Amino acid sequence: MFFLQSMFTSCGNSAPAENQKEAERIHESDSPVIEKESRYADLLKKFKEVSFDTLKVFYSYDDKSFQGKELTLKQAKVFPLGIEENYFGELSGVYACYRFKIDSTRLGLIVRTPSEYESSSIKLFVFDQKADKLQDHFIELGQMFGDAGDFIFKCSWLFKTKKNEIHSLIYDYQSYDHQVDDTADLTVDEWKSYALIDCMKGKFDTLSTNGTQLKKRFKRILKEEE
């Protein structure tokens, strides 16, 4: 398994393109997209503003790409995660990573949040600038978790289509090592799943979970993980 950040440009209506070098960077915007009168201005400023053609989202113990800035407990309670006490950090265990423009009125917020043993779950939230509030739906884009023989790794690619819509390809890998129960048993069970998500709708819309089709369509970016 590789936990290195990788970016690719988009082609077709919703598939990343072959010209990888052109998009192997995250562009920091010169002009913030935070309205001064927003009551959440201080919170939003903790997120690094970026633009991208394709952005790989993942968590790794030894990679700082999505380390983020830790929020106060008060700021963290804005997110619908049931956070009521200190988790895995000095403040809240919730970290502001990146923000990006979805459309003229909405921002995408990438947040690292507490999981089973540490803040290893990376989620995408949507902030409505017109209503000046965080929408209550979110989706998990990245995760890494290991316990005994169980291992879970999820990563995703956010990308723009030719119609300038933002979609996400999510790859979810899970395994179980039977050596935990029997040292002579070298069997490792593996499960893989895939999903293509439309991030532009009022709520995240699943476009496909057909693993065979998605593996073929996105084979260039999936090959680094499989």
C-alpha atoms as a PDB file:
ATOM      1  CA  MET A   1       0.000   0.000   0.000  1.00  0.00           C
ATOM      2  CA  PHE A   2       1.298   3.436  -0.777  1.00  0.00           C
ATOM      3  CA  PHE A   3       0.300   6.520   1.182  1.00  0.00           C
ATOM      4  CA  LEU A   4       1.864   9.158  -1.020  1.00  0.00           C
ATOM      5  CA  GLN A   5      -0.122  12.126  -2.291  1.00  0.00           C
ATOM      6  CA  SER A   6      -0.782  12.021  -6.023  1.00  0.00           C
ATOM      7  CA  MET A   7      -2.687  14.424  -8.246  1.00  0.00           C
ATOM      8  CA  PHE A   8      -3.949  14.094 -11.779  1.00  0.00           C
ATOM      9  CA  THR A   9      -5.844  16.416 -14.119  1.00  0.00           C
ATOM     10  CA  SER A  10      -9.384  15.615 -15.245  1.00  0.00           C
ATOM     11  CA  CYS A  11     -10.639  14.541 -18.650  1.00  0.00           C
ATOM     12  CA  GLY A  12     -13.929  13.398 -20.119  1.00  0.00           C
ATOM     13  CA  ASN A  13     -16.965  14.304 -18.123  1.00  0.00           C
ATOM     14  CA  SER A  14     -15.671  12.895 -14.856  1.00  0.00           C
ATOM     15  CA  ALA A  15     -12.379  11.026 -15.247  1.00  0.00           C
ATOM     16  CA  PRO A  16      -8.877  12.317 -14.361  1.00  0.00           C
ATOM     17  CA  ALA A  17      -6.659  12.870 -17.405  1.00  0.00           C
ATOM     18  CA  GLU A  18      -3.318  11.395 -18.373  1.00  0.00           C
ATOM     19  CA  ASN A  19      -1.263  14.584 -18.103  1.00  0.00           C
ATOM     20  CA  GLN A  20      -0.166  14.067 -14.531  1.00  0.00           C
ATOM     21  CA  LYS A  21       2.710  16.546 -14.174  1.00  0.00           C
ATOM     22  CA  GLU A  22       0.483  19.503 -14.968  1.00  0.00           C
ATOM     23  CA  ALA A  23      -1.614  18.888 -11.857  1.00  0.00           C
ATOM     24  CA  GLU A  24       0.971  17.607  -9.372  1.00  0.00           C
ATOM     25  CA  ARG A  25       0.480  20.544  -7.086  1.00  0.00           C
ATOM     26  CA  ILE A  26      -2.128  22.244  -4.935  1.00  0.00           C
ATOM     27  CA  HIS A  27      -2.624  25.888  -5.834  1.00  0.00           C
ATOM     28  CA  GLU A  28      -3.057  28.306  -2.948  1.00  0.00           C
ATOM     29  CA  SER A  29      -5.467  31.099  -3.831  1.00  0.00           C
ATOM     30  CA  ASP A  30      -4.421  34.745  -3.486  1.00  0.00           C
ATOM     31  CA  SER A  31      -7.900  35.983  -2.603  1.00  0.00           C
ATOM     32  CA  PRO A  32      -9.845  34.456   0.316  1.00  0.00           C
ATOM     33  CA  VAL A  33     -13.434  33.403  -0.308  1.00  0.00           C
ATOM     34  CA  ILE A  34     -14.571  34.190   3.235  1.00  0.00           C
ATOM     35  CA  GLU A  35     -17.184  36.856   3.664  1.00  0.00           C
ATOM     36  CA  LYS A  36     -16.117  39.368   6.329  1.00  0.00           C
ATOM     37  CA  GLU A  37     -19.559  39.408   7.955  1.00  0.00           C
ATOM     38  CA  SER A  38     -19.626  35.628   8.463  1.00  0.00           C
ATOM     39  CA  ARG A  39     -19.901  34.633  12.098  1.00  0.00           C
ATOM     40  CA  TYR A  40     -17.588  31.726  11.250  1.00  0.00           C
ATOM     41  CA  ALA A  41     -14.838  33.861   9.665  1.00  0.00           C
ATOM     42  CA  ASP A  42     -12.225  32.923  12.307  1.00  0.00           C
ATOM     43  CA  LEU A  43     -13.007  29.229  11.904  1.00  0.00           C
ATOM     44  CA  LEU A  44     -12.852  29.318   8.100  1.00  0.00           C
ATOM     45  CA  LYS A  45      -9.524  31.130   8.123  1.00  0.00           C
ATOM     46  CA  LYS A  46      -7.946  28.076   9.756  1.00  0.00           C
ATOM     47  CA  PHE A  47      -8.501  26.153   6.536  1.00  0.00           C
ATOM     48  CA  LYS A  48      -5.845  26.609   3.861  1.00  0.00           C
ATOM     49  CA  GLU A  49      -7.553  27.742   0.677  1.00  0.00           C
ATOM     50  CA  VAL A  50      -6.666  25.669  -2.377  1.00  0.00           C
ATOM     51  CA  SER A  51      -7.706  25.075  -5.953  1.00  0.00           C
ATOM     52  CA  PHE A  52      -7.052  21.851  -7.815  1.00  0.00           C
ATOM     53  CA  ASP A  53      -7.739  19.805 -10.898  1.00  0.00           C
ATOM     54  CA  THR A  54      -7.452  16.597  -8.883  1.00  0.00           C
ATOM     55  CA  LEU A  55      -6.634  16.207  -5.204  1.00  0.00           C
ATOM     56  CA  LYS A  56      -5.846  12.911  -3.535  1.00  0.00           C
ATOM     57  CA  VAL A  57      -7.211  12.711   0.009  1.00  0.00           C
ATOM     58  CA  PHE A  58      -5.766  10.171   2.434  1.00  0.00           C
ATOM     59  CA  TYR A  59      -4.421   9.691   5.949  1.00  0.00           C
ATOM     60  CA  SER A  60      -1.028   8.296   6.867  1.00  0.00           C
ATOM     61  CA  TYR A  61       0.735   8.276  10.223  1.00  0.00           C
ATOM     62  CA  ASP A  62       3.944   9.678   8.759  1.00  0.00           C
ATOM     63  CA  ASP A  63       2.600  12.126   6.156  1.00  0.00           C
ATOM     64  CA  LYS A  64       1.721  15.746   6.968  1.00  0.00           C
ATOM     65  CA  SER A  65      -0.328  16.479   3.851  1.00  0.00           C
ATOM     66  CA  PHE A  66      -3.566  16.471   5.840  1.00  0.00           C
ATOM     67  CA  GLN A  67      -2.247  17.321   9.282  1.00  0.00           C
ATOM     68  CA  GLY A  68      -4.221  20.586   9.471  1.00  0.00           C
ATOM     69  CA  LYS A  69      -4.671  23.085  12.298  1.00  0.00           C
ATOM     70  CA  GLU A  70      -6.389  21.913  15.439  1.00  0.00           C
ATOM     71  CA  LEU A  71      -9.686  23.607  16.283  1.00  0.00           C
ATOM     72  CA  THR A  72     -10.819  24.691  19.702  1.00  0.00           C
ATOM     73  CA  LEU A  73     -13.524  22.592  21.311  1.00  0.00           C
ATOM     74  CA  LYS A  74     -16.031  25.389  20.679  1.00  0.00           C
ATOM     75  CA  GLN A  75     -15.115  25.568  16.985  1.00  0.00           C
ATOM     76  CA  ALA A  76     -15.200  21.782  16.634  1.00  0.00           C
ATOM     77  CA  LYS A  77     -18.751  21.598  17.967  1.00  0.00           C
ATOM     78  CA  VAL A  78     -19.910  23.333  14.788  1.00  0.00           C
ATOM     79  CA  PHE A  79     -19.379  20.016  13.003  1.00  0.00           C
ATOM     80  CA  PRO A  80     -22.120  17.385  13.457  1.00  0.00           C
ATOM     81  CA  LEU A  81     -19.869  14.759  14.991  1.00  0.00           C
ATOM     82  CA  GLY A  82     -21.145  14.596  18.552  1.00  0.00           C
ATOM     83  CA  ILE A  83     -17.841  15.967  19.876  1.00  0.00           C
ATOM     84  CA  GLU A  84     -18.306  16.770  23.547  1.00  0.00           C
ATOM     85  CA  GLU A  85     -14.887  16.272  25.059  1.00  0.00           C
ATOM     86  CA  ASN A  86     -11.179  16.319  24.255  1.00  0.00           C
ATOM     87  CA  TYR A  87     -10.139  13.639  21.743  1.00  0.00           C
ATOM     88  CA  PHE A  88      -6.539  12.803  20.808  1.00  0.00           C
ATOM     89  CA  GLY A  89      -5.262  16.394  20.955  1.00  0.00           C
ATOM     90  CA  GLU A  90      -4.568  19.383  23.177  1.00  0.00           C
ATOM     91  CA  LEU A  91      -7.808  21.072  22.110  1.00  0.00           C
ATOM     92  CA  SER A  92     -10.434  19.044  20.250  1.00  0.00           C
ATOM     93  CA  GLY A  93      -8.702  16.463  18.055  1.00  0.00           C
ATOM     94  CA  VAL A  94     -10.471  18.055  15.057  1.00  0.00           C
ATOM     95  CA  TYR A  95      -8.193  19.616  12.447  1.00  0.00           C
ATOM     96  CA  ALA A  96      -8.921  22.140   9.689  1.00  0.00           C
ATOM     97  CA  CYS A  97      -7.097  21.035   6.540  1.00  0.00           C
ATOM     98  CA  TYR A  98      -8.277  22.649   3.285  1.00  0.00           C
ATOM     99  CA  ARG A  99     -11.130  24.722   1.924  1.00  0.00           C
ATOM    100  CA  PHE A 100     -12.101  25.126  -1.716  1.00  0.00           C
ATOM    101  CA  LYS A 101     -14.850  26.723  -3.751  1.00  0.00           C
ATOM    102  CA  ILE A 102     -17.632  24.372  -4.847  1.00  0.00           C
ATOM    103  CA  ASP A 103     -19.739  27.059  -6.508  1.00  0.00           C
ATOM    104  CA  SER A 104     -20.657  30.729  -6.008  1.00  0.00           C
ATOM    105  CA  THR A 105     -22.263  30.138  -2.607  1.00  0.00           C
ATOM    106  CA  ARG A 106     -20.671  26.991  -1.163  1.00  0.00           C
ATOM    107  CA  LEU A 107     -17.277  25.994   0.191  1.00  0.00           C
ATOM    108  CA  GLY A 108     -15.922  22.496   0.599  1.00  0.00           C
ATOM    109  CA  LEU A 109     -14.153  21.959   3.938  1.00  0.00           C
ATOM    110  CA  ILE A 110     -11.741  19.040   4.369  1.00  0.00           C
ATOM    111  CA  VAL A 111     -11.499  18.153   8.061  1.00  0.00           C
ATOM    112  CA  ARG A 112      -9.471  15.530   9.952  1.00  0.00           C
ATOM    113  CA  THR A 113     -11.574  14.109  12.772  1.00  0.00           C
ATOM    114  CA  PRO A 114     -11.289  11.577  15.628  1.00  0.00           C
ATOM    115  CA  SER A 115     -11.591   7.890  14.803  1.00  0.00           C
ATOM    116  CA  GLU A 116     -11.153   4.756  16.931  1.00  0.00           C
ATOM    117  CA  TYR A 117      -7.654   5.458  18.283  1.00  0.00           C
ATOM    118  CA  GLU A 118      -6.603   8.816  16.820  1.00  0.00           C
ATOM    119  CA  SER A 119      -7.721  11.572  14.474  1.00  0.00           C
ATOM    120  CA  SER A 120      -7.383   9.446  11.359  1.00  0.00           C
ATOM    121  CA  SER A 121     -10.702  10.065   9.586  1.00  0.00           C
ATOM    122  CA  ILE A 122     -10.768  12.765   6.905  1.00  0.00           C
ATOM    123  CA  LYS A 123     -14.188  14.094   5.990  1.00  0.00           C
ATOM    124  CA  LEU A 124     -15.668  16.554   3.511  1.00  0.00           C
ATOM    125  CA  PHE A 125     -18.206  19.087   4.783  1.00  0.00           C
ATOM    126  CA  VAL A 126     -20.047  21.823   2.917  1.00  0.00           C
ATOM    127  CA  PHE A 127     -20.337  25.410   4.183  1.00  0.00           C
ATOM    128  CA  ASP A 128     -23.194  27.488   2.761  1.00  0.00           C
ATOM    129  CA  GLN A 129     -21.924  31.077   2.557  1.00  0.00           C
ATOM    130  CA  LYS A 130     -25.315  32.516   1.652  1.00  0.00           C
ATOM    131  CA  ALA A 131     -27.020  30.977   4.683  1.00  0.00           C
ATOM    132  CA  ASP A 132     -23.803  31.353   6.715  1.00  0.00           C
ATOM    133  CA  LYS A 133     -23.996  27.878   8.158  1.00  0.00           C
ATOM    134  CA  LEU A 134     -22.487  24.421   7.869  1.00  0.00           C
ATOM    135  CA  GLN A 135     -24.724  21.926   6.119  1.00  0.00           C
ATOM    136  CA  ASP A 136     -25.482  18.805   8.148  1.00  0.00           C
ATOM    137  CA  HIS A 137     -24.333  16.230   5.574  1.00  0.00           C
ATOM    138  CA  PHE A 138     -20.756  15.036   5.127  1.00  0.00           C
ATOM    139  CA  ILE A 139     -18.800  12.181   3.590  1.00  0.00           C
ATOM    140  CA  GLU A 140     -15.663  10.327   4.673  1.00  0.00           C
ATOM    141  CA  LEU A 141     -12.865  10.644   2.111  1.00  0.00           C
ATOM    142  CA  GLY A 142      -9.951   9.065   3.957  1.00  0.00           C
ATOM    143  CA  GLN A 143      -9.271   6.695   6.834  1.00  0.00           C
ATOM    144  CA  MET A 144      -6.570   4.402   8.182  1.00  0.00           C
ATOM    145  CA  PHE A 145      -7.162   2.025  11.064  1.00  0.00           C
ATOM    146  CA  GLY A 146      -5.466  -1.101  12.353  1.00  0.00           C
ATOM    147  CA  ASP A 147      -6.369  -3.307  15.296  1.00  0.00           C
ATOM    148  CA  ALA A 148      -5.132  -6.866  15.822  1.00  0.00           C
ATOM    149  CA  GLY A 149      -5.716  -8.548  12.455  1.00  0.00           C
ATOM    150  CA  ASP A 150      -8.052  -5.901  11.103  1.00  0.00           C
ATOM    151  CA  PHE A 151      -6.835  -3.195   8.728  1.00  0.00           C
ATOM    152  CA  ILE A 152      -8.818  -0.462   6.990  1.00  0.00           C
ATOM    153  CA  PHE A 153      -7.539   2.045   4.461  1.00  0.00           C
ATOM    154  CA  LYS A 154      -9.729   4.468   2.546  1.00  0.00           C
ATOM    155  CA  CYS A 155      -8.571   7.162   0.154  1.00  0.00           C
ATOM    156  CA  SER A 156     -10.249   9.284  -2.485  1.00  0.00           C
ATOM    157  CA  TRP A 157      -9.654  11.649  -5.356  1.00  0.00           C
ATOM    158  CA  LEU A 158     -11.572  14.911  -5.630  1.00  0.00           C
ATOM    159  CA  PHE A 159     -11.575  16.137  -9.213  1.00  0.00           C
ATOM    160  CA  LYS A 160     -13.251  18.594 -11.543  1.00  0.00           C
ATOM    161  CA  THR A 161     -15.077  17.443 -14.637  1.00  0.00           C
ATOM    162  CA  LYS A 162     -15.203  19.268 -17.971  1.00  0.00           C
ATOM    163  CA  LYS A 163     -18.463  20.801 -16.766  1.00  0.00           C
ATOM    164  CA  ASN A 164     -16.533  22.181 -13.771  1.00  0.00           C
ATOM    165  CA  GLU A 165     -18.404  19.907 -11.393  1.00  0.00           C
ATOM    166  CA  ILE A 166     -16.622  18.316  -8.441  1.00  0.00           C
ATOM    167  CA  HIS A 167     -16.802  14.540  -8.148  1.00  0.00           C
ATOM    168  CA  SER A 168     -15.017  12.110  -5.870  1.00  0.00           C
ATOM    169  CA  LEU A 169     -13.730   8.605  -6.505  1.00  0.00           C
ATOM    170  CA  ILE A 170     -13.526   6.666  -3.227  1.00  0.00           C
ATOM    171  CA  TYR A 171     -11.434   3.514  -2.789  1.00  0.00           C
ATOM    172  CA  ASP A 172     -12.022   1.445   0.350  1.00  0.00           C
ATOM    173  CA  TYR A 173      -9.688  -1.441   1.268  1.00  0.00           C
ATOM    174  CA  GLN A 174     -10.196  -3.772   4.244  1.00  0.00           C
ATOM    175  CA  SER A 175      -8.331  -6.896   5.293  1.00  0.00           C
ATOM    176  CA  TYR A 176      -8.096  -9.451   8.086  1.00  0.00           C
ATOM    177  CA  ASP A 177      -4.933 -11.397   8.910  1.00  0.00           C
ATOM    178  CA  HIS A 178      -5.755 -14.813  10.362  1.00  0.00           C
ATOM    179  CA  GLN A 179      -2.305 -15.122  11.971  1.00  0.00           C
ATOM    180  CA  VAL A 180      -3.731 -13.193  14.904  1.00  0.00           C
ATOM    181  CA  ASP A 181      -5.838 -16.231  15.734  1.00  0.00           C
ATOM    182  CA  ASP A 182      -3.452 -18.933  14.494  1.00  0.00           C
ATOM    183  CA  THR A 183       0.229 -18.216  13.804  1.00  0.00           C
ATOM    184  CA  ALA A 184       0.293 -21.067  11.296  1.00  0.00           C
ATOM    185  CA  ASP A 185      -2.586 -19.630   9.305  1.00  0.00           C
ATOM    186  CA  LEU A 186      -1.150 -17.261   6.669  1.00  0.00           C
ATOM    187  CA  THR A 187      -4.545 -16.460   5.174  1.00  0.00           C
ATOM    188  CA  VAL A 188      -5.323 -12.784   4.639  1.00  0.00           C
ATOM    189  CA  ASP A 189      -8.898 -11.961   3.657  1.00  0.00           C
ATOM    190  CA  GLU A 190      -9.269  -8.796   1.563  1.00  0.00           C
ATOM    191  CA  TRP A 191     -12.234  -6.675   0.541  1.00  0.00           C
ATOM    192  CA  LYS A 192     -12.226  -3.752  -1.873  1.00  0.00           C
ATOM    193  CA  SER A 193     -15.023  -1.368  -2.762  1.00  0.00           C
ATOM    194  CA  TYR A 194     -15.338   1.682  -4.994  1.00  0.00           C
ATOM    195  CA  ALA A 195     -17.746   4.587  -5.276  1.00  0.00           C
ATOM    196  CA  LEU A 196     -18.129   7.608  -7.506  1.00  0.00           C
ATOM    197  CA  ILE A 197     -19.769  10.558  -5.749  1.00  0.00           C
ATOM    198  CA  ASP A 198     -21.255  13.790  -7.097  1.00  0.00           C
ATOM    199  CA  CYS A 199     -20.322  16.522  -4.603  1.00  0.00           C
ATOM    200  CA  MET A 200     -22.411  19.234  -6.282  1.00  0.00           C
ATOM    201  CA  LYS A 201     -25.899  18.198  -5.200  1.00  0.00           C
ATOM    202  CA  GLY A 202     -27.703  19.340  -2.062  1.00  0.00           C
ATOM    203  CA  LYS A 203     -26.581  16.066  -0.546  1.00  0.00           C
ATOM    204  CA  PHE A 204     -23.767  13.907  -1.834  1.00  0.00           C
ATOM    205  CA  ASP A 205     -25.134  11.753  -4.640  1.00  0.00           C
ATOM    206  CA  THR A 206     -23.703   8.287  -5.352  1.00  0.00           C
ATOM    207  CA  LEU A 207     -23.277   7.977  -9.120  1.00  0.00           C
ATOM    208  CA  SER A 208     -21.859   4.440  -9.153  1.00  0.00           C
ATOM    209  CA  THR A 209     -20.616   1.603  -6.951  1.00  0.00           C
ATOM    210  CA  ASN A 210     -19.863  -0.722  -9.869  1.00  0.00           C
ATOM    211  CA  GLY A 211     -16.336  -1.834  -9.000  1.00  0.00           C
ATOM    212  CA  THR A 212     -15.647  -3.461 -12.365  1.00  0.00           C
ATOM    213  CA  GLN A 213     -16.545  -0.353 -14.331  1.00  0.00           C
ATOM    214  CA  LEU A 214     -14.870   2.090 -11.972  1.00  0.00           C
ATOM    215  CA  LYS A 215     -11.623   0.085 -11.866  1.00  0.00           C
ATOM    216  CA  LYS A 216     -11.475   0.152 -15.649  1.00  0.00           C
ATOM    217  CA  ARG A 217     -12.392   3.818 -15.918  1.00  0.00           C
ATOM    218  CA  PHE A 218      -9.936   5.033 -13.260  1.00  0.00           C
ATOM    219  CA  LYS A 219      -7.207   2.415 -13.626  1.00  0.00           C
ATOM    220  CA  ARG A 220      -4.458   5.022 -14.028  1.00  0.00           C
ATOM    221  CA  ILE A 221      -4.950   6.466 -10.568  1.00  0.00           C
ATOM    222  CA  LEU A 222      -6.058   3.295  -8.801  1.00  0.00           C
ATOM    223  CA  LYS A 223      -2.944   1.354  -9.850  1.00  0.00           C
ATOM    224  CA  GLU A 224      -0.839   3.056  -7.160  1.00  0.00           C
ATOM    225  CA  GLU A 225      -3.061   1.651  -4.420  1.00  0.00           C
ATOM    226  CA  GLU A 226      -3.893  -1.847  -5.701  1.00  0.00           C
END
